[in-house]
């Protein structure tokens, strides 16, 4: 099973606030798509998957106008990861 650093960015839609919420979590899986499925809730959902040359996997998600980006980067054995989400 592979280890990934999952970074979830939620973009703020308010024009006066350019900050975004960022959540970082380490996961173990052989398939990252089920992890993305939990964020695909809403009546109008669009998403695109991109596999980057560096091996990272990026998902751009729009759920009812809320923009998110989830990036999975595979970790090598012994690589540390910072986690700011419980669980």
N, C-alpha and C. Protein backbone atom coordinates (compact mmCIF):
# COMPACT_ATOMS: atom_id res chain seq x y z
N UNK A 1 0.85 -1.18 0.00
CA UNK A 1 0.00 0.00 0.00
C UNK A 1 0.90 1.25 0.00
N UNK A 2 0.53 2.24 -0.77
CA UNK A 2 1.33 3.46 -0.90
C UNK A 2 0.94 4.48 0.17
N UNK A 3 1.91 5.31 0.55
CA UNK A 3 1.67 6.42 1.48
C UNK A 3 1.65 7.71 0.69
N UNK A 4 0.67 8.56 0.98
CA UNK A 4 0.54 9.85 0.30
C UNK A 4 0.39 10.97 1.31
N UNK A 5 0.89 12.13 0.94
CA UNK A 5 0.52 13.37 1.62
C UNK A 5 -0.64 13.94 0.82
N UNK A 6 -1.78 14.13 1.49
CA UNK A 6 -2.95 14.70 0.83
C UNK A 6 -3.09 16.15 1.30
N UNK A 7 -3.08 17.09 0.35
CA UNK A 7 -3.26 18.50 0.65
C UNK A 7 -4.58 18.93 0.02
N UNK A 8 -5.50 19.38 0.87
CA UNK A 8 -6.81 19.85 0.40
C UNK A 8 -6.89 21.36 0.60
N UNK A 9 -7.08 22.08 -0.49
CA UNK A 9 -7.20 23.53 -0.46
C UNK A 9 -8.64 23.90 -0.80
N UNK A 10 -9.25 24.73 0.04
CA UNK A 10 -10.59 25.24 -0.23
C UNK A 10 -10.45 26.73 -0.50
N UNK A 11 -10.79 27.14 -1.70
CA UNK A 11 -10.62 28.53 -2.11
C UNK A 11 -11.78 29.36 -1.62
N UNK A 12 -11.49 30.52 -1.06
CA UNK A 12 -12.51 31.42 -0.55
C UNK A 12 -13.12 32.18 -1.71
N UNK A 13 -14.45 32.18 -1.81
CA UNK A 13 -15.13 32.85 -2.92
C UNK A 13 -15.39 34.32 -2.65
N UNK A 14 -15.11 34.81 -1.45
CA UNK A 14 -15.32 36.21 -1.11
C UNK A 14 -14.22 37.06 -1.76
N UNK A 15 -14.60 38.07 -2.51
CA UNK A 15 -13.61 38.87 -3.23
C UNK A 15 -12.69 39.66 -2.30
N UNK A 16 -13.10 39.93 -1.07
CA UNK A 16 -12.26 40.68 -0.13
C UNK A 16 -11.38 39.77 0.72
N UNK A 17 -11.45 38.48 0.54
CA UNK A 17 -10.67 37.55 1.34
C UNK A 17 -10.00 36.56 0.40
N UNK A 18 -8.72 36.72 0.18
CA UNK A 18 -7.99 35.85 -0.74
C UNK A 18 -7.34 34.66 -0.04
N UNK A 19 -7.57 34.50 1.25
CA UNK A 19 -7.01 33.37 1.99
C UNK A 19 -7.75 32.09 1.59
N UNK A 20 -7.11 30.99 1.80
CA UNK A 20 -7.75 29.70 1.56
C UNK A 20 -7.51 28.80 2.75
N UNK A 21 -8.42 27.87 2.96
CA UNK A 21 -8.24 26.87 4.00
C UNK A 21 -7.40 25.74 3.42
N UNK A 22 -6.41 25.30 4.18
CA UNK A 22 -5.52 24.23 3.72
C UNK A 22 -5.47 23.15 4.80
N UNK A 23 -5.71 21.92 4.39
CA UNK A 23 -5.68 20.78 5.29
C UNK A 23 -4.68 19.77 4.75
N UNK A 24 -3.83 19.24 5.61
CA UNK A 24 -2.80 18.28 5.22
C UNK A 24 -2.99 17.02 6.04
N UNK A 25 -2.93 15.88 5.34
CA UNK A 25 -3.15 14.61 6.02
C UNK A 25 -2.33 13.53 5.32
N UNK A 26 -1.81 12.60 6.08
CA UNK A 26 -1.13 11.45 5.51
C UNK A 26 -2.14 10.31 5.40
N UNK A 27 -2.17 9.67 4.23
CA UNK A 27 -3.07 8.54 4.03
C UNK A 27 -2.30 7.37 3.43
N UNK A 28 -2.86 6.17 3.57
CA UNK A 28 -2.31 4.97 2.95
C UNK A 28 -3.40 4.35 2.09
N UNK A 29 -3.10 4.19 0.82
CA UNK A 29 -4.08 3.64 -0.11
C UNK A 29 -3.38 3.23 -1.40
N UNK A 30 -4.01 2.36 -2.15
CA UNK A 30 -3.55 2.03 -3.49
C UNK A 30 -4.37 2.76 -4.56
N UNK A 31 -5.44 3.46 -4.12
CA UNK A 31 -6.31 4.18 -5.05
C UNK A 31 -6.78 5.46 -4.37
N UNK A 32 -6.37 6.62 -4.87
CA UNK A 32 -6.70 7.89 -4.22
C UNK A 32 -8.13 8.36 -4.54
N UNK A 33 -8.73 7.87 -5.61
CA UNK A 33 -10.04 8.37 -6.01
C UNK A 33 -11.14 8.19 -4.95
N UNK A 34 -11.19 7.08 -4.21
CA UNK A 34 -12.21 7.00 -3.14
C UNK A 34 -12.04 8.10 -2.08
N UNK A 35 -10.83 8.56 -1.85
CA UNK A 35 -10.61 9.65 -0.90
C UNK A 35 -11.21 10.95 -1.42
N UNK A 36 -11.20 11.14 -2.72
CA UNK A 36 -11.75 12.35 -3.32
C UNK A 36 -13.28 12.31 -3.32
N UNK A 37 -13.85 11.13 -3.45
CA UNK A 37 -15.30 10.98 -3.54
C UNK A 37 -16.04 11.64 -2.37
N UNK A 38 -15.46 11.61 -1.18
CA UNK A 38 -16.15 12.19 -0.02
C UNK A 38 -16.32 13.70 -0.14
N UNK A 39 -15.54 14.36 -1.00
CA UNK A 39 -15.64 15.80 -1.18
C UNK A 39 -16.50 16.19 -2.38
N UNK A 40 -17.05 15.21 -3.09
CA UNK A 40 -17.86 15.46 -4.29
C UNK A 40 -19.34 15.46 -3.92
N UNK A 41 -19.73 16.33 -3.00
CA UNK A 41 -21.13 16.41 -2.59
C UNK A 41 -21.71 17.73 -3.06
N UNK A 42 -22.93 17.70 -3.51
CA UNK A 42 -23.61 18.89 -4.00
C UNK A 42 -24.51 18.53 -5.16
N UNK A 43 -25.26 19.51 -5.62
CA UNK A 43 -26.16 19.27 -6.75
C UNK A 43 -25.46 19.47 -8.09
N UNK A 44 -24.44 20.34 -8.11
CA UNK A 44 -23.67 20.57 -9.34
C UNK A 44 -22.21 20.31 -9.01
N UNK A 45 -21.71 19.18 -9.48
CA UNK A 45 -20.34 18.77 -9.16
C UNK A 45 -19.57 18.56 -10.45
N UNK A 46 -18.41 19.20 -10.53
CA UNK A 46 -17.48 18.99 -11.66
C UNK A 46 -16.10 18.76 -11.07
N UNK A 47 -15.35 17.85 -11.67
CA UNK A 47 -13.99 17.64 -11.22
C UNK A 47 -13.12 17.17 -12.37
N UNK A 48 -11.84 17.50 -12.25
CA UNK A 48 -10.86 17.08 -13.25
C UNK A 48 -9.67 16.49 -12.52
N UNK A 49 -9.13 15.43 -13.08
CA UNK A 49 -7.96 14.76 -12.52
C UNK A 49 -6.77 15.03 -13.43
N UNK A 50 -5.63 15.38 -12.81
CA UNK A 50 -4.39 15.62 -13.55
C UNK A 50 -3.28 14.80 -12.91
N UNK A 51 -2.53 14.08 -13.71
CA UNK A 51 -1.35 13.36 -13.22
C UNK A 51 -0.13 14.13 -13.69
N UNK A 52 0.61 14.67 -12.76
CA UNK A 52 1.76 15.53 -13.06
C UNK A 52 3.02 14.71 -13.33
N UNK A 53 3.98 15.28 -14.08
CA UNK A 53 5.22 14.57 -14.39
C UNK A 53 6.00 14.14 -13.15
N UNK A 54 5.84 14.87 -12.04
CA UNK A 54 6.56 14.51 -10.81
C UNK A 54 5.90 13.37 -10.05
N UNK A 55 4.78 12.84 -10.59
CA UNK A 55 4.08 11.72 -9.97
C UNK A 55 2.93 12.12 -9.07
N UNK A 56 2.80 13.40 -8.77
CA UNK A 56 1.68 13.84 -7.93
C UNK A 56 0.38 13.77 -8.73
N UNK A 57 -0.71 13.61 -8.00
CA UNK A 57 -2.04 13.52 -8.62
C UNK A 57 -2.87 14.66 -8.08
N UNK A 58 -3.45 15.46 -8.98
CA UNK A 58 -4.17 16.67 -8.60
C UNK A 58 -5.61 16.57 -9.06
N UNK A 59 -6.53 16.96 -8.19
CA UNK A 59 -7.95 17.00 -8.52
C UNK A 59 -8.43 18.44 -8.32
N UNK A 60 -8.98 19.05 -9.37
CA UNK A 60 -9.65 20.34 -9.26
C UNK A 60 -11.15 20.05 -9.19
N UNK A 61 -11.79 20.57 -8.14
CA UNK A 61 -13.18 20.23 -7.84
C UNK A 61 -14.00 21.51 -7.71
N UNK A 62 -15.19 21.49 -8.31
CA UNK A 62 -16.16 22.57 -8.14
C UNK A 62 -17.47 21.93 -7.70
N UNK A 63 -17.86 22.20 -6.44
CA UNK A 63 -19.13 21.68 -5.93
C UNK A 63 -20.02 22.85 -5.60
N UNK A 64 -21.04 23.05 -6.41
CA UNK A 64 -21.99 24.15 -6.23
C UNK A 64 -21.29 25.50 -6.10
N UNK A 65 -20.23 25.70 -6.89
CA UNK A 65 -19.51 26.97 -6.90
C UNK A 65 -18.36 27.06 -5.91
N UNK A 66 -18.20 26.08 -5.02
CA UNK A 66 -17.08 26.08 -4.09
C UNK A 66 -15.90 25.34 -4.74
N UNK A 67 -14.80 26.07 -4.92
CA UNK A 67 -13.62 25.51 -5.58
C UNK A 67 -12.70 24.87 -4.55
N UNK A 68 -12.21 23.66 -4.89
CA UNK A 68 -11.26 22.95 -4.05
C UNK A 68 -10.19 22.35 -4.95
N UNK A 69 -9.04 22.14 -4.36
CA UNK A 69 -7.97 21.42 -5.05
C UNK A 69 -7.41 20.41 -4.05
N UNK A 70 -7.31 19.17 -4.48
CA UNK A 70 -6.74 18.12 -3.65
C UNK A 70 -5.54 17.55 -4.39
N UNK A 71 -4.38 17.56 -3.72
CA UNK A 71 -3.15 17.06 -4.31
C UNK A 71 -2.63 15.89 -3.48
N UNK A 72 -2.31 14.80 -4.16
CA UNK A 72 -1.73 13.63 -3.52
C UNK A 72 -0.28 13.50 -4.00
N UNK A 73 0.65 13.48 -3.06
CA UNK A 73 2.06 13.30 -3.37
C UNK A 73 2.53 12.04 -2.66
N UNK A 74 3.06 11.09 -3.44
CA UNK A 74 3.52 9.83 -2.84
C UNK A 74 4.74 10.09 -1.97
N UNK A 75 4.74 9.49 -0.79
CA UNK A 75 5.85 9.62 0.15
C UNK A 75 6.74 8.40 0.07
N UNK A 76 8.05 8.64 0.14
CA UNK A 76 9.00 7.54 0.18
C UNK A 76 9.08 7.00 1.61
N UNK A 77 9.55 5.80 1.75
CA UNK A 77 9.70 5.20 3.08
C UNK A 77 10.57 6.10 3.95
N UNK A 78 10.05 6.42 5.12
CA UNK A 78 10.79 7.25 6.06
C UNK A 78 10.56 8.74 5.91
N UNK A 79 9.86 9.17 4.84
CA UNK A 79 9.56 10.60 4.69
C UNK A 79 8.60 11.02 5.78
N UNK A 80 8.93 12.12 6.49
CA UNK A 80 7.98 12.64 7.49
C UNK A 80 6.90 13.45 6.79
N UNK A 81 5.77 13.61 7.45
CA UNK A 81 4.71 14.45 6.92
C UNK A 81 4.09 15.21 8.07
N UNK A 82 3.76 16.48 7.83
CA UNK A 82 3.05 17.29 8.81
C UNK A 82 1.57 17.09 8.58
N UNK A 83 0.82 16.86 9.64
CA UNK A 83 -0.62 16.67 9.53
C UNK A 83 -1.32 17.69 10.38
N UNK A 84 -2.28 18.43 9.80
CA UNK A 84 -3.02 19.40 10.58
C UNK A 84 -4.50 19.04 10.68
N UNK A 85 -4.84 17.78 10.38
CA UNK A 85 -6.21 17.28 10.53
C UNK A 85 -6.22 16.18 11.56
N UNK A 86 -7.24 16.13 12.37
CA UNK A 86 -7.38 15.03 13.33
C UNK A 86 -7.71 13.74 12.58
N UNK A 87 -7.25 12.64 13.07
CA UNK A 87 -7.59 11.35 12.48
C UNK A 87 -6.57 10.94 11.52
